[in-house]
Amino acid sequence: MPPSAPPPAGRAIVLYDGICHLCQGTVRFIVARDGRGRVAFAPLQSPLGRRLLAEHGLPADGTAAAGGSVVLIEEGQAFTRSTAVLRIARLLRAPWPVFSIGLVIPVRLRDAVYDWVARHRYRWFGRSATCDLPGPEVRARLLDVGDS
């Protein structure tokens, strides 16, 4: 898919913190377990990421303030924090969809755990000064690597 391509119809889009090592690892994790290619990606900090955040009423400053370090856009709706993570699990091959059962846990409790991890992710996993250049399997699913 060429850089700056519009989001593909029928695919979920994961916006992730492109400088966060945990988030970059999460993208690689999703790609390895999404055999049907249902998920595409864009960094929160990219022009496309910012545009999609703004279109869904989320802060479009390209930081994790947009609702955490991961935002899922699926069927025209944006999901943030723990809801995004658990809905992403539904898109992966077994056994990962079973974790979506966590959606029955009250959102305040789920998001408290998510926020705790998000607050510490740079200290625990590190971060880069810029978005890392991903491997070819991830680059094939990146929607935006430059201008939008």
C-alpha atoms as a PDB file:
ATOM      1  CA  MET A   1       0.000   0.000   0.000  1.00  0.00           C
ATOM      2  CA  PRO A   2       1.550   3.345  -0.933  1.00  0.00           C
ATOM      3  CA  PRO A   3       2.214   5.954   1.746  1.00  0.00           C
ATOM      4  CA  SER A   4      -0.637   8.410   2.303  1.00  0.00           C
ATOM      5  CA  ALA A   5      -3.210   5.990   0.934  1.00  0.00           C
ATOM      6  CA  PRO A   6      -6.675   6.633   2.329  1.00  0.00           C
ATOM      7  CA  PRO A   7      -7.870   4.204   4.971  1.00  0.00           C
ATOM      8  CA  PRO A   8      -9.114   1.023   3.301  1.00  0.00           C
ATOM      9  CA  ALA A   9     -12.823   0.314   3.499  1.00  0.00           C
ATOM     10  CA  GLY A  10     -13.781  -2.502   5.829  1.00  0.00           C
ATOM     11  CA  ARG A  11     -10.467  -2.536   7.710  1.00  0.00           C
ATOM     12  CA  ALA A  12      -9.961  -1.526  11.282  1.00  0.00           C
ATOM     13  CA  ILE A  13      -7.328   1.127  11.861  1.00  0.00           C
ATOM     14  CA  VAL A  14      -5.079   1.175  14.896  1.00  0.00           C
ATOM     15  CA  LEU A  15      -3.526   4.523  15.742  1.00  0.00           C
ATOM     16  CA  TYR A  16      -0.538   4.025  18.011  1.00  0.00           C
ATOM     17  CA  ASP A  17       2.099   6.114  19.749  1.00  0.00           C
ATOM     18  CA  GLY A  18       4.902   5.867  17.203  1.00  0.00           C
ATOM     19  CA  ILE A  19       7.668   6.684  19.671  1.00  0.00           C
ATOM     20  CA  CYS A  20       6.606   4.167  22.333  1.00  0.00           C
ATOM     21  CA  HIS A  21       8.465   0.851  22.273  1.00  0.00           C
ATOM     22  CA  LEU A  22       5.512  -0.952  23.896  1.00  0.00           C
ATOM     23  CA  CYS A  23       3.191   0.421  21.215  1.00  0.00           C
ATOM     24  CA  GLN A  24       5.580  -0.526  18.418  1.00  0.00           C
ATOM     25  CA  GLY A  25       5.766  -4.035  19.865  1.00  0.00           C
ATOM     26  CA  THR A  26       1.986  -4.140  20.052  1.00  0.00           C
ATOM     27  CA  VAL A  27       1.767  -3.336  16.339  1.00  0.00           C
ATOM     28  CA  ARG A  28       4.159  -6.206  15.544  1.00  0.00           C
ATOM     29  CA  PHE A  29       2.116  -8.483  17.844  1.00  0.00           C
ATOM     30  CA  ILE A  30      -1.117  -7.610  16.013  1.00  0.00           C
ATOM     31  CA  VAL A  31       0.414  -8.108  12.551  1.00  0.00           C
ATOM     32  CA  ALA A  32       1.716 -11.554  13.542  1.00  0.00           C
ATOM     33  CA  ARG A  33      -1.748 -12.623  14.742  1.00  0.00           C
ATOM     34  CA  ASP A  34      -3.957 -10.954  12.134  1.00  0.00           C
ATOM     35  CA  GLY A  35      -3.614 -13.484   9.340  1.00  0.00           C
ATOM     36  CA  ARG A  36      -6.541 -12.036   7.407  1.00  0.00           C
ATOM     37  CA  GLY A  37      -5.026  -8.561   7.295  1.00  0.00           C
ATOM     38  CA  ARG A  38      -8.052  -6.858   8.841  1.00  0.00           C
ATOM     39  CA  VAL A  39      -6.018  -4.256  10.723  1.00  0.00           C
ATOM     40  CA  ALA A  40      -4.070  -1.321   9.272  1.00  0.00           C
ATOM     41  CA  PHE A  41      -1.957   1.153  11.238  1.00  0.00           C
ATOM     42  CA  ALA A  42      -0.926   4.796  11.462  1.00  0.00           C
ATOM     43  CA  PRO A  43       1.117   6.587  14.133  1.00  0.00           C
ATOM     44  CA  LEU A  44      -0.845   9.057  16.269  1.00  0.00           C
ATOM     45  CA  GLN A  45       1.801  11.637  15.375  1.00  0.00           C
ATOM     46  CA  SER A  46       1.390  11.271  11.600  1.00  0.00           C
ATOM     47  CA  PRO A  47      -0.720  13.639   9.492  1.00  0.00           C
ATOM     48  CA  LEU A  48      -3.247  10.862   8.848  1.00  0.00           C
ATOM     49  CA  GLY A  49      -3.318   9.902  12.534  1.00  0.00           C
ATOM     50  CA  ARG A  50      -3.972  13.507  13.520  1.00  0.00           C
ATOM     51  CA  ARG A  51      -6.666  13.877  10.882  1.00  0.00           C
ATOM     52  CA  LEU A  52      -8.452  10.698  12.010  1.00  0.00           C
ATOM     53  CA  LEU A  53      -8.270  11.781  15.645  1.00  0.00           C
ATOM     54  CA  ALA A  54      -9.805  15.159  14.784  1.00  0.00           C
ATOM     55  CA  GLU A  55     -12.522  13.522  12.673  1.00  0.00           C
ATOM     56  CA  HIS A  56     -13.517  11.421  15.688  1.00  0.00           C
ATOM     57  CA  GLY A  57     -13.495  14.305  18.169  1.00  0.00           C
ATOM     58  CA  LEU A  58     -10.267  13.272  19.896  1.00  0.00           C
ATOM     59  CA  PRO A  59      -7.355  15.609  20.653  1.00  0.00           C
ATOM     60  CA  ALA A  60      -5.366  15.734  17.430  1.00  0.00           C
ATOM     61  CA  ASP A  61      -2.046  16.868  18.833  1.00  0.00           C
ATOM     62  CA  GLY A  62      -0.420  13.560  17.883  1.00  0.00           C
ATOM     63  CA  THR A  63       0.308  12.528  21.448  1.00  0.00           C
ATOM     64  CA  ALA A  64      -0.994   9.861  23.735  1.00  0.00           C
ATOM     65  CA  ALA A  65      -3.389  12.485  25.134  1.00  0.00           C
ATOM     66  CA  ALA A  66      -5.649  11.390  22.284  1.00  0.00           C
ATOM     67  CA  GLY A  67      -7.092   8.715  24.522  1.00  0.00           C
ATOM     68  CA  GLY A  68      -4.086   6.695  25.476  1.00  0.00           C
ATOM     69  CA  SER A  69      -1.394   5.146  23.401  1.00  0.00           C
ATOM     70  CA  VAL A  70      -3.758   3.115  21.202  1.00  0.00           C
ATOM     71  CA  VAL A  71      -6.912   4.184  19.378  1.00  0.00           C
ATOM     72  CA  LEU A  72      -9.004   1.757  17.319  1.00  0.00           C
ATOM     73  CA  ILE A  73     -11.165   3.049  14.496  1.00  0.00           C
ATOM     74  CA  GLU A  74     -13.636   0.388  13.470  1.00  0.00           C
ATOM     75  CA  GLU A  75     -16.837   0.703  11.466  1.00  0.00           C
ATOM     76  CA  GLY A  76     -16.695   4.494  11.660  1.00  0.00           C
ATOM     77  CA  GLN A  77     -16.291   4.639  15.446  1.00  0.00           C
ATOM     78  CA  ALA A  78     -13.233   5.436  17.537  1.00  0.00           C
ATOM     79  CA  PHE A  79     -12.466   3.363  20.619  1.00  0.00           C
ATOM     80  CA  THR A  80      -9.816   4.339  23.139  1.00  0.00           C
ATOM     81  CA  ARG A  81      -7.904   2.915  26.055  1.00  0.00           C
ATOM     82  CA  SER A  82      -8.952  -0.505  27.353  1.00  0.00           C
ATOM     83  CA  THR A  83     -11.933  -0.719  25.023  1.00  0.00           C
ATOM     84  CA  ALA A  84      -9.631  -0.331  22.009  1.00  0.00           C
ATOM     85  CA  VAL A  85      -7.272  -3.039  23.261  1.00  0.00           C
ATOM     86  CA  LEU A  86     -10.055  -5.538  23.979  1.00  0.00           C
ATOM     87  CA  ARG A  87     -11.799  -4.864  20.660  1.00  0.00           C
ATOM     88  CA  ILE A  88      -8.485  -5.385  18.838  1.00  0.00           C
ATOM     89  CA  ALA A  89      -8.241  -8.812  20.504  1.00  0.00           C
ATOM     90  CA  ARG A  90     -11.512  -9.774  18.766  1.00  0.00           C
ATOM     91  CA  LEU A  91      -9.866  -9.198  15.387  1.00  0.00           C
ATOM     92  CA  LEU A  92      -6.987 -11.615  15.967  1.00  0.00           C
ATOM     93  CA  ARG A  93      -6.836 -15.363  15.478  1.00  0.00           C
ATOM     94  CA  ALA A  94      -7.490 -17.723  18.388  1.00  0.00           C
ATOM     95  CA  PRO A  95      -6.965 -17.706  21.282  1.00  0.00           C
ATOM     96  CA  TRP A  96      -6.844 -13.880  21.468  1.00  0.00           C
ATOM     97  CA  PRO A  97     -10.559 -13.131  20.852  1.00  0.00           C
ATOM     98  CA  VAL A  98     -11.376 -14.781  24.181  1.00  0.00           C
ATOM     99  CA  PHE A  99      -9.822 -11.763  25.912  1.00  0.00           C
ATOM    100  CA  SER A 100     -12.622  -9.572  24.581  1.00  0.00           C
ATOM    101  CA  ILE A 101     -14.694 -11.043  27.420  1.00  0.00           C
ATOM    102  CA  GLY A 102     -12.958  -8.320  29.426  1.00  0.00           C
ATOM    103  CA  LEU A 103     -15.407  -5.871  27.859  1.00  0.00           C
ATOM    104  CA  VAL A 104     -17.921  -6.975  30.532  1.00  0.00           C
ATOM    105  CA  ILE A 105     -15.657  -5.520  33.255  1.00  0.00           C
ATOM    106  CA  PRO A 106     -16.737  -1.981  34.159  1.00  0.00           C
ATOM    107  CA  VAL A 107     -14.929   0.523  31.949  1.00  0.00           C
ATOM    108  CA  ARG A 108     -13.727   2.595  34.913  1.00  0.00           C
ATOM    109  CA  LEU A 109     -11.867  -0.400  36.326  1.00  0.00           C
ATOM    110  CA  ARG A 110     -10.469  -1.467  32.926  1.00  0.00           C
ATOM    111  CA  ASP A 111      -9.345   2.052  32.103  1.00  0.00           C
ATOM    112  CA  ALA A 112      -7.699   2.472  35.517  1.00  0.00           C
ATOM    113  CA  VAL A 113      -5.456  -0.515  34.734  1.00  0.00           C
ATOM    114  CA  TYR A 114      -4.870   0.722  31.168  1.00  0.00           C
ATOM    115  CA  ASP A 115      -3.973   4.217  32.413  1.00  0.00           C
ATOM    116  CA  TRP A 116      -1.544   2.799  34.978  1.00  0.00           C
ATOM    117  CA  VAL A 117       0.323   0.868  32.273  1.00  0.00           C
ATOM    118  CA  ALA A 118       0.159   3.837  29.875  1.00  0.00           C
ATOM    119  CA  ARG A 119       1.630   6.165  32.522  1.00  0.00           C
ATOM    120  CA  HIS A 120       4.619   3.873  33.031  1.00  0.00           C
ATOM    121  CA  ARG A 121       5.167   2.547  29.498  1.00  0.00           C
ATOM    122  CA  TYR A 122       8.062   4.833  28.577  1.00  0.00           C
ATOM    123  CA  ARG A 123       9.906   4.021  31.801  1.00  0.00           C
ATOM    124  CA  TRP A 124       9.293   0.261  31.493  1.00  0.00           C
ATOM    125  CA  PHE A 125       9.698  -0.208  27.742  1.00  0.00           C
ATOM    126  CA  GLY A 126      11.461   2.942  26.527  1.00  0.00           C
ATOM    127  CA  ARG A 127      10.782   5.307  23.682  1.00  0.00           C
ATOM    128  CA  SER A 128      12.426   6.616  20.547  1.00  0.00           C
ATOM    129  CA  ALA A 129      13.033  10.211  19.526  1.00  0.00           C
ATOM    130  CA  THR A 130      11.133   9.448  16.313  1.00  0.00           C
ATOM    131  CA  CYS A 131       8.930   6.681  14.952  1.00  0.00           C
ATOM    132  CA  ASP A 132      11.040   3.597  14.260  1.00  0.00           C
ATOM    133  CA  LEU A 133      11.151   2.284  10.712  1.00  0.00           C
ATOM    134  CA  PRO A 134       9.158  -0.948  10.978  1.00  0.00           C
ATOM    135  CA  GLY A 135       9.885  -4.203   9.203  1.00  0.00           C
ATOM    136  CA  PRO A 136       8.299  -5.012   5.842  1.00  0.00           C
ATOM    137  CA  GLU A 137       5.348  -6.913   7.344  1.00  0.00           C
ATOM    138  CA  VAL A 138       4.330  -3.817   9.316  1.00  0.00           C
ATOM    139  CA  ARG A 139       5.219  -1.315   6.543  1.00  0.00           C
ATOM    140  CA  ALA A 140       2.801  -3.160   4.250  1.00  0.00           C
ATOM    141  CA  ARG A 141      -0.013  -2.178   6.621  1.00  0.00           C
ATOM    142  CA  LEU A 142       1.036   1.378   7.430  1.00  0.00           C
ATOM    143  CA  LEU A 143      -1.472   3.827   6.051  1.00  0.00           C
ATOM    144  CA  ASP A 144       0.670   6.902   6.487  1.00  0.00           C
ATOM    145  CA  VAL A 145       4.400   7.380   6.718  1.00  0.00           C
ATOM    146  CA  GLY A 146       4.581  10.972   5.519  1.00  0.00           C
ATOM    147  CA  ASP A 147       2.133  13.522   4.240  1.00  0.00           C
ATOM    148  CA  SER A 148      -1.581  12.999   4.260  1.00  0.00           C
END
